[in-house]
Structures are given as structure tokens and as C-alpha cells.
Amino acid sequence: MIQLGEHTRVYLATGHTDMRKAINGLSILVEDILLLNPLSSHLFVFCNRNRDKLKILVWHNNGFWLFYRRLEKQRFYWPSAGEAASVEITSRELSWLLEGLDIRHVTAHKRLDYSAI
């Protein structure tokens, strides 16, 4: 998978998305619904109505990557459509989501940043 930079953000498109959409259709959703730039090198994650399929759209250098994940039995945790068109999560939370964890209930140690010791 693509290495995520420290400034790379991950956005979940709330609600469900038609999984027949490919790169062009998803990039239009990023622009028109999420009001974000699909060429930003951030990850945009979409889920179907049954919550058993995900697509991840990301711009990398000179083209798009489109990742697709299908579960055979389980379902992904997914935020319902609400006031916000997207929810921002960390790359670590994305890994948890892809592993089947409900990121609303997983807690981890907080990241600490120090300028001096």
C-alpha cells in the first residue's frame, strides 16, 4: 500500500456510496459533496449500503489509486449520514477499521510530541 505521510489525512464519506462508481465518479463526490480536493493526496474512503465493501481513493504523484476491499461475512463500522458529509480519522484508526474494529470504542495511547527533553 502507499506510504502515508505525516500530513496525510483520512476522510470517511458518511452514509453509503454506490460502489459502481469508479475513480471519476468518486473524485466528483470528493469535490461536490465532501467539498475537498481529490488531488490533495489525502485518502477518501467510501462504503456501500450493506457495509461489506470499501473503496479508498487517493492521488499519488501523477495518478489515482483506487483500493477495493470486500468482506465475505462481517460488516465494517461506518458512520451514518448526518450533518457532516465526512468524518476525519487517523491512519491508525483506518488500519483498525480495515481490521474490523469499531473505532468508536477502541482507545489507544495518545501521541505525544515534544520539542525538547
Protein backbone atom coordinates (compact mmCIF):
# COMPACT_ATOMS: atom_id res chain seq x y z
CA MET A 1 0.00 0.00 0.00
CA ILE A 2 1.04 3.60 -0.39
CA GLN A 3 3.13 5.04 2.43
CA LEU A 4 1.18 7.74 4.25
CA GLY A 5 2.99 10.95 5.05
CA GLU A 6 2.60 12.58 8.42
CA HIS A 7 0.37 15.25 6.85
CA THR A 8 -1.88 12.78 5.02
CA ARG A 9 -5.45 12.88 6.25
CA VAL A 10 -8.11 10.17 6.03
CA TYR A 11 -11.74 11.09 5.36
CA LEU A 12 -14.68 8.71 5.64
CA ALA A 13 -17.64 9.70 3.45
CA THR A 14 -20.58 9.26 5.83
CA GLY A 15 -23.59 7.26 4.79
CA HIS A 16 -23.44 4.89 1.85
CA THR A 17 -21.97 5.24 -1.63
CA ASP A 18 -22.88 3.47 -4.86
CA MET A 19 -19.97 1.07 -5.36
CA ARG A 20 -20.47 1.13 -9.14
CA LYS A 21 -18.67 4.48 -9.07
CA ALA A 22 -15.08 4.36 -10.25
CA ILE A 23 -12.31 6.95 -9.99
CA ASN A 24 -14.09 9.74 -11.89
CA GLY A 25 -17.39 9.33 -10.03
CA LEU A 26 -15.70 9.15 -6.61
CA SER A 27 -13.48 12.16 -7.32
CA ILE A 28 -16.60 14.16 -8.22
CA LEU A 29 -18.15 13.14 -4.87
CA VAL A 30 -15.00 14.32 -3.09
CA GLU A 31 -15.27 17.72 -4.78
CA ASP A 32 -19.04 18.26 -4.77
CA ILE A 33 -20.21 16.51 -1.59
CA LEU A 34 -17.18 16.44 0.72
CA LEU A 35 -16.01 19.84 -0.57
CA LEU A 36 -12.40 18.62 -0.60
CA ASN A 37 -9.71 18.37 -3.26
CA PRO A 38 -9.32 14.82 -4.66
CA LEU A 39 -5.78 15.74 -5.83
CA SER A 40 -4.65 16.53 -2.28
CA SER A 41 -3.02 13.11 -1.65
CA HIS A 42 -5.42 12.52 1.25
CA LEU A 43 -7.33 9.24 1.48
CA PHE A 44 -11.06 9.29 0.79
CA VAL A 45 -12.90 6.19 1.98
CA PHE A 46 -16.36 5.14 0.78
CA CYS A 47 -18.64 2.32 1.94
CA ASN A 48 -21.67 0.62 0.40
CA ARG A 49 -25.16 0.30 1.92
CA ASN A 50 -24.52 -3.23 3.30
CA ARG A 51 -21.21 -2.08 4.85
CA ASP A 52 -19.33 -5.04 3.39
CA LYS A 53 -17.40 -3.15 0.68
CA LEU A 54 -14.98 -0.23 0.88
CA LYS A 55 -13.23 1.86 -1.75
CA ILE A 56 -10.30 4.13 -0.96
CA LEU A 57 -9.39 6.86 -3.44
CA VAL A 58 -6.02 8.59 -3.24
CA TRP A 59 -3.96 10.72 -5.61
CA HIS A 60 -0.31 9.68 -5.73
CA ASN A 61 2.28 11.64 -7.77
CA ASN A 62 0.74 11.50 -11.24
CA GLY A 63 -2.41 9.42 -10.94
CA PHE A 64 -5.13 7.96 -8.76
CA TRP A 65 -5.04 4.72 -6.79
CA LEU A 66 -8.36 3.02 -6.12
CA PHE A 67 -8.29 0.33 -3.44
CA TYR A 68 -11.25 -2.03 -3.05
CA ARG A 69 -12.00 -4.29 -0.06
CA ARG A 70 -14.87 -6.79 0.16
CA LEU A 71 -15.78 -8.73 3.28
CA GLU A 72 -17.33 -12.15 2.93
CA LYS A 73 -19.27 -12.32 6.21
CA GLN A 74 -18.71 -9.42 8.58
CA ARG A 75 -19.55 -5.72 8.28
CA PHE A 76 -17.48 -2.57 8.62
CA TYR A 77 -18.24 0.00 11.31
CA TRP A 78 -19.42 3.03 9.36
CA PRO A 79 -20.75 6.44 10.43
CA SER A 80 -24.28 7.16 9.26
CA ALA A 81 -25.07 10.19 7.17
CA GLY A 82 -25.57 13.13 9.46
CA GLU A 83 -24.79 16.79 9.44
CA ALA A 84 -21.22 16.21 8.26
CA ALA A 85 -20.56 14.75 4.81
CA SER A 86 -17.29 13.30 6.05
CA VAL A 87 -15.52 12.26 9.23
CA GLU A 88 -11.77 12.64 9.59
CA ILE A 89 -9.92 9.76 11.23
CA THR A 90 -6.24 8.94 11.75
CA SER A 91 -4.30 6.48 9.62
CA ARG A 92 -4.08 4.25 12.71
CA GLU A 93 -7.89 4.30 13.01
CA LEU A 94 -8.13 3.40 9.31
CA SER A 95 -5.99 0.32 9.99
CA TRP A 96 -8.28 -0.62 12.86
CA LEU A 97 -11.35 -0.09 10.65
CA LEU A 98 -9.90 -2.32 7.93
CA GLU A 99 -9.20 -4.98 10.57
CA GLY A 100 -12.86 -4.94 11.59
CA LEU A 101 -12.69 -2.91 14.78
CA ASP A 102 -15.35 -0.38 15.74
CA ILE A 103 -13.21 2.73 16.03
CA ARG A 104 -15.78 4.42 18.28
CA HIS A 105 -14.85 2.00 21.08
CA VAL A 106 -11.12 1.48 20.55
CA THR A 107 -8.80 3.59 22.63
CA ALA A 108 -5.07 3.80 22.25
CA HIS A 109 -2.26 5.74 23.82
CA LYS A 110 -2.29 9.35 22.69
CA ARG A 111 0.58 10.60 20.58
CA LEU A 112 2.95 12.92 22.40
CA ASP A 113 5.09 15.47 20.63
CA TYR A 114 8.00 17.07 22.45
CA SER A 115 10.18 19.89 21.27
CA ALA A 116 12.87 19.15 23.89
CA ILE A 117 13.76 16.55 26.50
